[in-house]
């Protein structure tokens, strides 16, 4: 386990379709991930069977849908998606960024 995250020396992992991520850090019970979107990129609606998620807007803005309720979120806003709750986003600005928090950690990201 690393105790520090150095953003400048950590490369983005390209996920395709205008989305990139950097794993900030993790423990078995918690994970933080930066996710960067091109304008118009879609985080397709989905639900997690085993993970709660909180996503904080670090940059830009998003149209967010959580459980059928849509809102526009900007810097400083966040959404909460408990496990089994459908959620998705559309980036409204170039290089919009979410800080995703997962509990427990997403082992499929490692």
PDB file of N, CA and C in Angstrom:
ATOM      1  N   UNK A   1       0.843  -1.184   0.000  1.00  0.00           N
ATOM      2  CA  UNK A   1       0.000   0.000   0.000  1.00  0.00           C
ATOM      3  C   UNK A   1       0.887   1.246   0.000  1.00  0.00           C
ATOM      4  N   UNK A   2       0.534   2.205  -0.841  1.00  0.00           N
ATOM      5  CA  UNK A   2       1.246   3.475  -0.872  1.00  0.00           C
ATOM      6  C   UNK A   2       0.549   4.463   0.055  1.00  0.00           C
ATOM      7  N   UNK A   3       1.319   5.312   0.707  1.00  0.00           N
ATOM      8  CA  UNK A   3       0.756   6.287   1.634  1.00  0.00           C
ATOM      9  C   UNK A   3       0.488   7.636   0.985  1.00  0.00           C
ATOM     10  N   UNK A   4       1.005   7.852  -0.227  1.00  0.00           N
ATOM     11  CA  UNK A   4       0.835   9.138  -0.900  1.00  0.00           C
ATOM     12  C   UNK A   4       0.452   8.928  -2.363  1.00  0.00           C
ATOM     13  N   UNK A   5      -0.287   9.895  -2.902  1.00  0.00           N
ATOM     14  CA  UNK A   5      -0.644   9.911  -4.326  1.00  0.00           C
ATOM     15  C   UNK A   5      -0.012  11.150  -4.926  1.00  0.00           C
ATOM     16  N   UNK A   6       0.801  10.980  -5.967  1.00  0.00           N
ATOM     17  CA  UNK A   6       1.448  12.086  -6.670  1.00  0.00           C
ATOM     18  C   UNK A   6       0.764  12.253  -8.021  1.00  0.00           C
ATOM     19  N   UNK A   7      -0.145  13.205  -8.108  1.00  0.00           N
ATOM     20  CA  UNK A   7      -0.949  13.400  -9.313  1.00  0.00           C
ATOM     21  C   UNK A   7      -0.079  13.648 -10.542  1.00  0.00           C
ATOM     22  N   UNK A   8       0.954  14.487 -10.404  1.00  0.00           N
ATOM     23  CA  UNK A   8       1.779  14.868 -11.560  1.00  0.00           C
ATOM     24  C   UNK A   8       2.509  13.677 -12.176  1.00  0.00           C
ATOM     25  N   UNK A   9       2.844  12.686 -11.374  1.00  0.00           N
ATOM     26  CA  UNK A   9       3.606  11.551 -11.920  1.00  0.00           C
ATOM     27  C   UNK A   9       2.729  10.321 -12.169  1.00  0.00           C
ATOM     28  N   UNK A  10       1.425  10.460 -12.013  1.00  0.00           N
ATOM     29  CA  UNK A  10       0.513   9.340 -12.254  1.00  0.00           C
ATOM     30  C   UNK A  10      -0.223   9.554 -13.569  1.00  0.00           C
ATOM     31  N   UNK A  11      -0.034   8.641 -14.491  1.00  0.00           N
ATOM     32  CA  UNK A  11      -0.662   8.759 -15.808  1.00  0.00           C
ATOM     33  C   UNK A  11      -2.136   8.378 -15.744  1.00  0.00           C
ATOM     34  N   UNK A  12      -2.924   8.970 -16.631  1.00  0.00           N
ATOM     35  CA  UNK A  12      -4.321   8.585 -16.786  1.00  0.00           C
ATOM     36  C   UNK A  12      -4.386   7.237 -17.482  1.00  0.00           C
ATOM     37  N   UNK A  13      -5.321   6.398 -17.093  1.00  0.00           N
ATOM     38  CA  UNK A  13      -5.629   5.160 -17.800  1.00  0.00           C
ATOM     39  C   UNK A  13      -6.810   5.454 -18.711  1.00  0.00           C
ATOM     40  N   UNK A  14      -6.619   5.285 -20.017  1.00  0.00           N
ATOM     41  CA  UNK A  14      -7.677   5.574 -20.991  1.00  0.00           C
ATOM     42  C   UNK A  14      -8.683   4.429 -21.001  1.00  0.00           C
ATOM     43  N   UNK A  15      -9.940   4.756 -20.691  1.00  0.00           N
ATOM     44  CA  UNK A  15     -11.010   3.759 -20.663  1.00  0.00           C
ATOM     45  C   UNK A  15     -11.790   3.730 -21.966  1.00  0.00           C
ATOM     46  N   UNK A  16     -11.460   4.640 -22.896  1.00  0.00           N
ATOM     47  CA  UNK A  16     -12.182   4.738 -24.157  1.00  0.00           C
ATOM     48  C   UNK A  16     -13.399   5.640 -24.041  1.00  0.00           C
ATOM     49  N   UNK A  17     -13.933   6.033 -25.183  1.00  0.00           N
ATOM     50  CA  UNK A  17     -15.140   6.860 -25.268  1.00  0.00           C
ATOM     51  C   UNK A  17     -15.026   8.170 -24.499  1.00  0.00           C
ATOM     52  N   UNK A  18     -13.802   8.730 -24.428  1.00  0.00           N
ATOM     53  CA  UNK A  18     -13.610  10.040 -23.816  1.00  0.00           C
ATOM     54  C   UNK A  18     -13.545  10.035 -22.305  1.00  0.00           C
ATOM     55  N   UNK A  19     -13.195   8.890 -21.704  1.00  0.00           N
ATOM     56  CA  UNK A  19     -13.125   8.783 -20.242  1.00  0.00           C
ATOM     57  C   UNK A  19     -11.770   8.202 -19.840  1.00  0.00           C
ATOM     58  N   UNK A  20     -11.178   8.807 -18.793  1.00  0.00           N
ATOM     59  CA  UNK A  20      -9.885   8.372 -18.263  1.00  0.00           C
ATOM     60  C   UNK A  20      -9.972   8.310 -16.737  1.00  0.00           C
ATOM     61  N   UNK A  21      -9.124   7.484 -16.104  1.00  0.00           N
ATOM     62  CA  UNK A  21      -9.121   7.448 -14.640  1.00  0.00           C
ATOM     63  C   UNK A  21      -7.716   7.306 -14.075  1.00  0.00           C
ATOM     64  N   UNK A  22      -7.589   7.753 -12.819  1.00  0.00           N
ATOM     65  CA  UNK A  22      -6.396   7.563 -12.002  1.00  0.00           C
ATOM     66  C   UNK A  22      -6.857   7.059 -10.647  1.00  0.00           C
ATOM     67  N   UNK A  23      -6.278   5.972 -10.202  1.00  0.00           N
ATOM     68  CA  UNK A  23      -6.575   5.492  -8.855  1.00  0.00           C
ATOM     69  C   UNK A  23      -5.750   6.309  -7.877  1.00  0.00           C
ATOM     70  N   UNK A  24      -6.425   7.012  -6.988  1.00  0.00           N
ATOM     71  CA  UNK A  24      -5.759   7.880  -6.008  1.00  0.00           C
ATOM     72  C   UNK A  24      -5.197   7.047  -4.871  1.00  0.00           C
ATOM     73  N   UNK A  25      -5.973   6.102  -4.401  1.00  0.00           N
ATOM     74  CA  UNK A  25      -5.526   5.239  -3.313  1.00  0.00           C
ATOM     75  C   UNK A  25      -6.627   4.293  -2.905  1.00  0.00           C
ATOM     76  N   UNK A  26      -6.243   3.283  -2.102  1.00  0.00           N
ATOM     77  CA  UNK A  26      -7.239   2.312  -1.671  1.00  0.00           C
ATOM     78  C   UNK A  26      -6.758   1.542  -0.461  1.00  0.00           C
ATOM     79  N   UNK A  27      -7.734   1.071   0.287  1.00  0.00           N
ATOM     80  CA  UNK A  27      -7.571   0.085   1.343  1.00  0.00           C
ATOM     81  C   UNK A  27      -8.608  -0.995   1.022  1.00  0.00           C
ATOM     82  N   UNK A  28      -8.653  -2.079   1.748  1.00  0.00           N
ATOM     83  CA  UNK A  28      -9.691  -3.069   1.439  1.00  0.00           C
ATOM     84  C   UNK A  28     -11.114  -2.511   1.536  1.00  0.00           C
ATOM     85  N   UNK A  29     -11.336  -1.539   2.396  1.00  0.00           N
ATOM     86  CA  UNK A  29     -12.683  -1.033   2.604  1.00  0.00           C
ATOM     87  C   UNK A  29     -13.033   0.248   1.890  1.00  0.00           C
ATOM     88  N   UNK A  30     -12.070   0.890   1.211  1.00  0.00           N
ATOM     89  CA  UNK A  30     -12.307   2.206   0.617  1.00  0.00           C
ATOM     90  C   UNK A  30     -11.398   2.416  -0.587  1.00  0.00           C
ATOM     91  N   UNK A  31     -11.929   3.102  -1.624  1.00  0.00           N
ATOM     92  CA  UNK A  31     -11.126   3.433  -2.804  1.00  0.00           C
ATOM     93  C   UNK A  31     -11.513   4.816  -3.298  1.00  0.00           C
ATOM     94  N   UNK A  32     -10.503   5.620  -3.691  1.00  0.00           N
ATOM     95  CA  UNK A  32     -10.709   6.929  -4.311  1.00  0.00           C
ATOM     96  C   UNK A  32     -10.141   6.896  -5.722  1.00  0.00           C
ATOM     97  N   UNK A  33     -10.933   7.395  -6.691  1.00  0.00           N
ATOM     98  CA  UNK A  33     -10.549   7.349  -8.097  1.00  0.00           C
ATOM     99  C   UNK A  33     -10.920   8.671  -8.762  1.00  0.00           C
ATOM    100  N   UNK A  34      -9.967   9.314  -9.444  1.00  0.00           N
ATOM    101  CA  UNK A  34     -10.264  10.466 -10.285  1.00  0.00           C
ATOM    102  C   UNK A  34     -10.713   9.965 -11.650  1.00  0.00           C
ATOM    103  N   UNK A  35     -11.809  10.523 -12.160  1.00  0.00           N
ATOM    104  CA  UNK A  35     -12.319  10.129 -13.473  1.00  0.00           C
ATOM    105  C   UNK A  35     -12.513  11.410 -14.287  1.00  0.00           C
ATOM    106  N   UNK A  36     -11.820  11.497 -15.420  1.00  0.00           N
ATOM    107  CA  UNK A  36     -11.863  12.683 -16.288  1.00  0.00           C
ATOM    108  C   UNK A  36     -12.646  12.356 -17.551  1.00  0.00           C
ATOM    109  N   UNK A  37     -13.503  13.303 -17.963  1.00  0.00           N
ATOM    110  CA  UNK A  37     -14.393  13.111 -19.104  1.00  0.00           C
ATOM    111  C   UNK A  37     -14.192  14.196 -20.150  1.00  0.00           C
ATOM    112  N   UNK A  38     -14.219  13.812 -21.428  1.00  0.00           N
ATOM    113  CA  UNK A  38     -14.348  14.779 -22.506  1.00  0.00           C
ATOM    114  C   UNK A  38     -15.782  15.307 -22.500  1.00  0.00           C
ATOM    115  N   UNK A  39     -15.976  16.492 -23.061  1.00  0.00           N
ATOM    116  CA  UNK A  39     -17.328  17.040 -23.163  1.00  0.00           C
ATOM    117  C   UNK A  39     -18.213  16.055 -23.927  1.00  0.00           C
ATOM    118  N   UNK A  40     -19.379  15.753 -23.379  1.00  0.00           N
ATOM    119  CA  UNK A  40     -20.317  14.845 -24.012  1.00  0.00           C
ATOM    120  C   UNK A  40     -20.093  13.372 -23.700  1.00  0.00           C
ATOM    121  N   UNK A  41     -18.981  13.042 -23.029  1.00  0.00           N
ATOM    122  CA  UNK A  41     -18.727  11.639 -22.688  1.00  0.00           C
ATOM    123  C   UNK A  41     -19.768  11.161 -21.680  1.00  0.00           C
ATOM    124  N   UNK A  42     -20.160   9.910 -21.830  1.00  0.00           N
ATOM    125  CA  UNK A  42     -21.249   9.341 -21.036  1.00  0.00           C
ATOM    126  C   UNK A  42     -20.724   8.247 -20.112  1.00  0.00           C
ATOM    127  N   UNK A  43     -20.992   8.405 -18.839  1.00  0.00           N
ATOM    128  CA  UNK A  43     -20.823   7.322 -17.880  1.00  0.00           C
ATOM    129  C   UNK A  43     -22.154   6.588 -17.849  1.00  0.00           C
ATOM    130  N   UNK A  44     -22.260   5.514 -18.601  1.00  0.00           N
ATOM    131  CA  UNK A  44     -23.518   4.802 -18.813  1.00  0.00           C
ATOM    132  C   UNK A  44     -24.144   4.385 -17.482  1.00  0.00           C
ATOM    133  N   UNK A  45     -25.467   4.548 -17.390  1.00  0.00           N
ATOM    134  CA  UNK A  45     -26.181   4.187 -16.161  1.00  0.00           C
ATOM    135  C   UNK A  45     -25.936   2.724 -15.800  1.00  0.00           C
ATOM    136  N   UNK A  46     -25.659   2.504 -14.531  1.00  0.00           N
ATOM    137  CA  UNK A  46     -25.367   1.174 -14.022  1.00  0.00           C
ATOM    138  C   UNK A  46     -25.610   1.170 -12.513  1.00  0.00           C
ATOM    139  N   UNK A  47     -25.554   0.010 -11.914  1.00  0.00           N
ATOM    140  CA  UNK A  47     -25.662  -0.132 -10.461  1.00  0.00           C
ATOM    141  C   UNK A  47     -24.569  -1.094  -9.998  1.00  0.00           C
ATOM    142  N   UNK A  48     -24.128  -0.922  -8.770  1.00  0.00           N
ATOM    143  CA  UNK A  48     -23.120  -1.804  -8.185  1.00  0.00           C
ATOM    144  C   UNK A  48     -23.791  -2.768  -7.217  1.00  0.00           C
ATOM    145  N   UNK A  49     -23.474  -4.039  -7.344  1.00  0.00           N
ATOM    146  CA  UNK A  49     -24.044  -5.020  -6.425  1.00  0.00           C
ATOM    147  C   UNK A  49     -23.410  -4.935  -5.045  1.00  0.00           C
ATOM    148  N   UNK A  50     -22.119  -4.598  -4.996  1.00  0.00           N
ATOM    149  CA  UNK A  50     -21.402  -4.694  -3.722  1.00  0.00           C
ATOM    150  C   UNK A  50     -20.783  -3.383  -3.257  1.00  0.00           C
ATOM    151  N   UNK A  51     -20.989  -2.286  -3.983  1.00  0.00           N
ATOM    152  CA  UNK A  51     -20.279  -1.049  -3.657  1.00  0.00           C
ATOM    153  C   UNK A  51     -21.221   0.130  -3.475  1.00  0.00           C
ATOM    154  N   UNK A  52     -21.007   0.878  -2.396  1.00  0.00           N
ATOM    155  CA  UNK A  52     -21.589   2.205  -2.261  1.00  0.00           C
ATOM    156  C   UNK A  52     -20.644   3.173  -2.959  1.00  0.00           C
ATOM    157  N   UNK A  53     -21.189   4.262  -3.526  1.00  0.00           N
ATOM    158  CA  UNK A  53     -20.364   5.235  -4.243  1.00  0.00           C
ATOM    159  C   UNK A  53     -20.808   6.647  -3.897  1.00  0.00           C
ATOM    160  N   UNK A  54     -19.824   7.506  -3.687  1.00  0.00           N
ATOM    161  CA  UNK A  54     -20.041   8.951  -3.604  1.00  0.00           C
ATOM    162  C   UNK A  54     -19.130   9.568  -4.653  1.00  0.00           C
ATOM    163  N   UNK A  55     -19.673  10.449  -5.501  1.00  0.00           N
ATOM    164  CA  UNK A  55     -18.889  11.098  -6.555  1.00  0.00           C
ATOM    165  C   UNK A  55     -18.944  12.603  -6.342  1.00  0.00           C
ATOM    166  N   UNK A  56     -17.786  13.225  -6.172  1.00  0.00           N
ATOM    167  CA  UNK A  56     -17.633  14.652  -5.922  1.00  0.00           C
ATOM    168  C   UNK A  56     -17.108  15.322  -7.182  1.00  0.00           C
ATOM    169  N   UNK A  57     -17.732  16.405  -7.614  1.00  0.00           N
ATOM    170  CA  UNK A  57     -17.299  17.108  -8.828  1.00  0.00           C
ATOM    171  C   UNK A  57     -16.087  17.977  -8.501  1.00  0.00           C
ATOM    172  N   UNK A  58     -14.945  17.603  -9.083  1.00  0.00           N
ATOM    173  CA  UNK A  58     -13.682  18.306  -8.874  1.00  0.00           C
ATOM    174  C   UNK A  58     -13.502  19.418  -9.902  1.00  0.00           C
ATOM    175  N   UNK A  59     -14.030  19.216 -11.103  1.00  0.00           N
ATOM    176  CA  UNK A  59     -13.899  20.208 -12.180  1.00  0.00           C
ATOM    177  C   UNK A  59     -15.038  20.018 -13.167  1.00  0.00           C
ATOM    178  N   UNK A  60     -15.434  21.110 -13.819  1.00  0.00           N
ATOM    179  CA  UNK A  60     -16.448  21.039 -14.864  1.00  0.00           C
ATOM    180  C   UNK A  60     -17.846  20.869 -14.312  1.00  0.00           C
ATOM    181  N   UNK A  61     -18.683  20.198 -15.102  1.00  0.00           N
ATOM    182  CA  UNK A  61     -20.072  19.977 -14.696  1.00  0.00           C
ATOM    183  C   UNK A  61     -20.610  18.729 -15.385  1.00  0.00           C
ATOM    184  N   UNK A  62     -21.659  18.179 -14.791  1.00  0.00           N
ATOM    185  CA  UNK A  62     -22.248  16.936 -15.257  1.00  0.00           C
ATOM    186  C   UNK A  62     -23.761  16.992 -15.156  1.00  0.00           C
ATOM    187  N   UNK A  63     -24.434  16.325 -16.106  1.00  0.00           N
ATOM    188  CA  UNK A  63     -25.833  15.975 -15.905  1.00  0.00           C
ATOM    189  C   UNK A  63     -25.797  14.588 -15.269  1.00  0.00           C
ATOM    190  N   UNK A  64     -26.425  14.468 -14.114  1.00  0.00           N
ATOM    191  CA  UNK A  64     -26.362  13.229 -13.339  1.00  0.00           C
ATOM    192  C   UNK A  64     -27.766  12.676 -13.173  1.00  0.00           C
ATOM    193  N   UNK A  65     -27.878  11.371 -13.282  1.00  0.00           N
ATOM    194  CA  UNK A  65     -29.144  10.679 -13.033  1.00  0.00           C
ATOM    195  C   UNK A  65     -28.887   9.632 -11.960  1.00  0.00           C
ATOM    196  N   UNK A  66     -29.551   9.783 -10.825  1.00  0.00           N
ATOM    197  CA  UNK A  66     -29.485   8.791  -9.758  1.00  0.00           C
ATOM    198  C   UNK A  66     -30.911   8.330  -9.483  1.00  0.00           C
ATOM    199  N   UNK A  67     -31.158   7.067  -9.716  1.00  0.00           N
ATOM    200  CA  UNK A  67     -32.470   6.461  -9.455  1.00  0.00           C
ATOM    201  C   UNK A  67     -33.597   7.198 -10.169  1.00  0.00           C
ATOM    202  N   UNK A  68     -33.315   7.689 -11.392  1.00  0.00           N
ATOM    203  CA  UNK A  68     -34.333   8.364 -12.189  1.00  0.00           C
ATOM    204  C   UNK A  68     -34.510   9.837 -11.881  1.00  0.00           C
ATOM    205  N   UNK A  69     -33.740  10.368 -10.935  1.00  0.00           N
ATOM    206  CA  UNK A  69     -33.788  11.791 -10.592  1.00  0.00           C
ATOM    207  C   UNK A  69     -32.580  12.486 -11.215  1.00  0.00           C
ATOM    208  N   UNK A  70     -32.834  13.433 -12.146  1.00  0.00           N
ATOM    209  CA  UNK A  70     -31.740  14.107 -12.855  1.00  0.00           C
ATOM    210  C   UNK A  70     -31.472  15.485 -12.260  1.00  0.00           C
ATOM    211  N   UNK A  71     -30.161  15.835 -12.216  1.00  0.00           N
ATOM    212  CA  UNK A  71     -29.733  17.157 -11.763  1.00  0.00           C
ATOM    213  C   UNK A  71     -28.457  17.531 -12.494  1.00  0.00           C
ATOM    214  N   UNK A  72     -28.186  18.830 -12.564  1.00  0.00           N
ATOM    215  CA  UNK A  72     -26.909  19.343 -13.056  1.00  0.00           C
ATOM    216  C   UNK A  72     -26.035  19.588 -11.834  1.00  0.00           C
ATOM    217  N   UNK A  73     -24.836  18.995 -11.833  1.00  0.00           N
ATOM    218  CA  UNK A  73     -23.888  19.191 -10.745  1.00  0.00           C
ATOM    219  C   UNK A  73     -22.659  19.906 -11.264  1.00  0.00           C
ATOM    220  N   UNK A  74     -22.144  20.831 -10.443  1.00  0.00           N
ATOM    221  CA  UNK A  74     -20.953  21.610 -10.776  1.00  0.00           C
ATOM    222  C   UNK A  74     -19.922  21.429  -9.674  1.00  0.00           C
ATOM    223  N   UNK A  75     -18.769  22.074  -9.846  1.00  0.00           N
ATOM    224  CA  UNK A  75     -17.687  21.987  -8.862  1.00  0.00           C
ATOM    225  C   UNK A  75     -18.227  22.130  -7.436  1.00  0.00           C
ATOM    226  N   UNK A  76     -17.833  21.198  -6.591  1.00  0.00           N
ATOM    227  CA  UNK A  76     -18.234  21.240  -5.191  1.00  0.00           C
ATOM    228  C   UNK A  76     -19.484  20.441  -4.875  1.00  0.00           C
ATOM    229  N   UNK A  77     -20.231  20.042  -5.909  1.00  0.00           N
ATOM    230  CA  UNK A  77     -21.427  19.222  -5.711  1.00  0.00           C
ATOM    231  C   UNK A  77     -21.033  17.743  -5.721  1.00  0.00           C
ATOM    232  N   UNK A  78     -21.950  16.898  -5.265  1.00  0.00           N
ATOM    233  CA  UNK A  78     -21.689  15.460  -5.247  1.00  0.00           C
ATOM    234  C   UNK A  78     -22.993  14.703  -5.383  1.00  0.00           C
ATOM    235  N   UNK A  79     -22.876  13.423  -5.742  1.00  0.00           N
ATOM    236  CA  UNK A  79     -24.033  12.536  -5.688  1.00  0.00           C
ATOM    237  C   UNK A  79     -23.664  11.271  -4.924  1.00  0.00           C
ATOM    238  N   UNK A  80     -24.683  10.669  -4.340  1.00  0.00           N
ATOM    239  CA  UNK A  80     -24.526   9.452  -3.568  1.00  0.00           C
ATOM    240  C   UNK A  80     -25.329   8.356  -4.255  1.00  0.00           C
ATOM    241  N   UNK A  81     -24.673   7.236  -4.540  1.00  0.00           N
ATOM    242  CA  UNK A  81     -25.328   6.092  -5.173  1.00  0.00           C
ATOM    243  C   UNK A  81     -25.075   4.854  -4.321  1.00  0.00           C
ATOM    244  N   UNK A  82     -25.985   4.550  -3.402  1.00  0.00           N
ATOM    245  CA  UNK A  82     -25.825   3.326  -2.616  1.00  0.00           C
ATOM    246  C   UNK A  82     -25.863   2.101  -3.522  1.00  0.00           C
ATOM    247  N   UNK A  83     -25.315   1.001  -3.055  1.00  0.00           N
ATOM    248  CA  UNK A  83     -25.331  -0.231  -3.856  1.00  0.00           C
ATOM    249  C   UNK A  83     -26.738  -0.533  -4.348  1.00  0.00           C
ATOM    250  N   UNK A  84     -26.796  -1.084  -5.553  1.00  0.00           N
ATOM    251  CA  UNK A  84     -28.025  -1.466  -6.257  1.00  0.00           C
ATOM    252  C   UNK A  84     -28.824  -0.277  -6.790  1.00  0.00           C
ATOM    253  N   UNK A  85     -28.338   0.958  -6.644  1.00  0.00           N
ATOM    254  CA  UNK A  85     -29.022   2.158  -7.127  1.00  0.00           C
ATOM    255  C   UNK A  85     -28.439   2.558  -8.494  1.00  0.00           C
ATOM    256  N   UNK A  86     -29.275   2.596  -9.546  1.00  0.00           N
ATOM    257  CA  UNK A  86     -28.795   2.976 -10.870  1.00  0.00           C
ATOM    258  C   UNK A  86     -28.366   4.439 -10.882  1.00  0.00           C
ATOM    259  N   UNK A  87     -27.242   4.702 -11.576  1.00  0.00           N
ATOM    260  CA  UNK A  87     -26.714   6.061 -11.677  1.00  0.00           C
ATOM    261  C   UNK A  87     -25.862   6.169 -12.949  1.00  0.00           C
ATOM    262  N   UNK A  88     -25.819   7.379 -13.509  1.00  0.00           N
ATOM    263  CA  UNK A  88     -25.027   7.634 -14.706  1.00  0.00           C
ATOM    264  C   UNK A  88     -24.796   9.123 -14.863  1.00  0.00           C
ATOM    265  N   UNK A  89     -23.836   9.496 -15.704  1.00  0.00           N
ATOM    266  CA  UNK A  89     -23.488  10.903 -15.895  1.00  0.00           C
ATOM    267  C   UNK A  89     -23.232  11.204 -17.368  1.00  0.00           C
ATOM    268  N   UNK A  90     -23.374  12.485 -17.718  1.00  0.00           N
ATOM    269  CA  UNK A  90     -22.938  13.022 -19.005  1.00  0.00           C
ATOM    270  C   UNK A  90     -22.132  14.275 -18.688  1.00  0.00           C
ATOM    271  N   UNK A  91     -20.896  14.346 -19.204  1.00  0.00           N
ATOM    272  CA  UNK A  91     -20.046  15.514 -18.979  1.00  0.00           C
ATOM    273  C   UNK A  91     -20.524  16.675 -19.839  1.00  0.00           C
ATOM    274  N   UNK A  92     -20.696  17.836 -19.223  1.00  0.00           N
ATOM    275  CA  UNK A  92     -21.179  19.014 -19.933  1.00  0.00           C
ATOM    276  C   UNK A  92     -20.053  19.945 -20.370  1.00  0.00           C
ATOM    277  N   UNK A  93     -18.831  19.706 -19.878  1.00  0.00           N
ATOM    278  CA  UNK A  93     -17.676  20.535 -20.228  1.00  0.00           C
ATOM    279  C   UNK A  93     -16.471  19.637 -20.475  1.00  0.00           C
ATOM    280  N   UNK A  94     -15.537  20.117 -21.300  1.00  0.00           N
ATOM    281  CA  UNK A  94     -14.294  19.391 -21.546  1.00  0.00           C
ATOM    282  C   UNK A  94     -13.509  19.262 -20.238  1.00  0.00           C
ATOM    283  N   UNK A  95     -12.896  18.091 -20.034  1.00  0.00           N
ATOM    284  CA  UNK A  95     -12.061  17.792 -18.872  1.00  0.00           C
ATOM    285  C   UNK A  95     -12.808  17.921 -17.548  1.00  0.00           C
ATOM    286  N   UNK A  96     -14.090  17.599 -17.550  1.00  0.00           N
ATOM    287  CA  UNK A  96     -14.829  17.520 -16.291  1.00  0.00           C
ATOM    288  C   UNK A  96     -14.297  16.321 -15.506  1.00  0.00           C
ATOM    289  N   UNK A  97     -14.202  16.470 -14.176  1.00  0.00           N
ATOM    290  CA  UNK A  97     -13.579  15.440 -13.349  1.00  0.00           C
ATOM    291  C   UNK A  97     -14.446  15.138 -12.128  1.00  0.00           C
ATOM    292  N   UNK A  98     -14.611  13.844 -11.873  1.00  0.00           N
ATOM    293  CA  UNK A  98     -15.239  13.366 -10.641  1.00  0.00           C
ATOM    294  C   UNK A  98     -14.186  12.699  -9.778  1.00  0.00           C
ATOM    295  N   UNK A  99     -14.312  12.860  -8.465  1.00  0.00           N
ATOM    296  CA  UNK A  99     -13.561  12.051  -7.515  1.00  0.00           C
ATOM    297  C   UNK A  99     -14.542  11.024  -6.985  1.00  0.00           C
ATOM    298  N   UNK A 100     -14.411   9.785  -7.459  1.00  0.00           N
ATOM    299  CA  UNK A 100     -15.291   8.694  -7.041  1.00  0.00           C
ATOM    300  C   UNK A 100     -14.719   8.034  -5.796  1.00  0.00           C
ATOM    301  N   UNK A 101     -15.593   7.791  -4.826  1.00  0.00           N
ATOM    302  CA  UNK A 101     -15.235   7.070  -3.603  1.00  0.00           C
ATOM    303  C   UNK A 101     -16.073   5.797  -3.580  1.00  0.00           C
ATOM    304  N   UNK A 102     -15.431   4.660  -3.377  1.00  0.00           N
ATOM    305  CA  UNK A 102     -16.133   3.383  -3.337  1.00  0.00           C
ATOM    306  C   UNK A 102     -15.868   2.678  -2.016  1.00  0.00           C
ATOM    307  N   UNK A 103     -16.911   2.061  -1.488  1.00  0.00           N
ATOM    308  CA  UNK A 103     -16.768   1.220  -0.311  1.00  0.00           C
ATOM    309  C   UNK A 103     -17.570  -0.058  -0.542  1.00  0.00           C
ATOM    310  N   UNK A 104     -16.926  -1.218  -0.457  1.00  0.00           N
ATOM    311  CA  UNK A 104     -15.487  -1.418  -0.324  1.00  0.00           C
ATOM    312  C   UNK A 104     -14.761  -1.091  -1.627  1.00  0.00           C
ATOM    313  N   UNK A 105     -13.472  -1.291  -1.630  1.00  0.00           N
ATOM    314  CA  UNK A 105     -12.639  -1.009  -2.804  1.00  0.00           C
ATOM    315  C   UNK A 105     -13.121  -1.813  -4.010  1.00  0.00           C
ATOM    316  N   UNK A 106     -12.916  -1.238  -5.218  1.00  0.00           N
ATOM    317  CA  UNK A 106     -13.241  -1.905  -6.482  1.00  0.00           C
ATOM    318  C   UNK A 106     -12.037  -2.750  -6.916  1.00  0.00           C
ATOM    319  N   UNK A 107     -12.020  -4.004  -6.542  1.00  0.00           N
ATOM    320  CA  UNK A 107     -10.909  -4.865  -6.920  1.00  0.00           C
ATOM    321  C   UNK A 107     -10.786  -5.021  -8.431  1.00  0.00           C
ATOM    322  N   UNK A 108     -11.895  -4.860  -9.164  1.00  0.00           N
ATOM    323  CA  UNK A 108     -11.842  -4.963 -10.621  1.00  0.00           C
ATOM    324  C   UNK A 108     -11.073  -3.804 -11.245  1.00  0.00           C
ATOM    325  N   UNK A 109     -10.797  -2.726 -10.512  1.00  0.00           N
ATOM    326  CA  UNK A 109     -10.003  -1.605 -11.029  1.00  0.00           C
ATOM    327  C   UNK A 109      -8.504  -1.860 -10.876  1.00  0.00           C
ATOM    328  N   UNK A 110      -8.126  -2.811 -10.038  1.00  0.00           N
ATOM    329  CA  UNK A 110      -6.697  -3.026  -9.744  1.00  0.00           C
ATOM    330  C   UNK A 110      -6.047  -3.956 -10.756  1.00  0.00           C
TER     331      UNK A 110
END
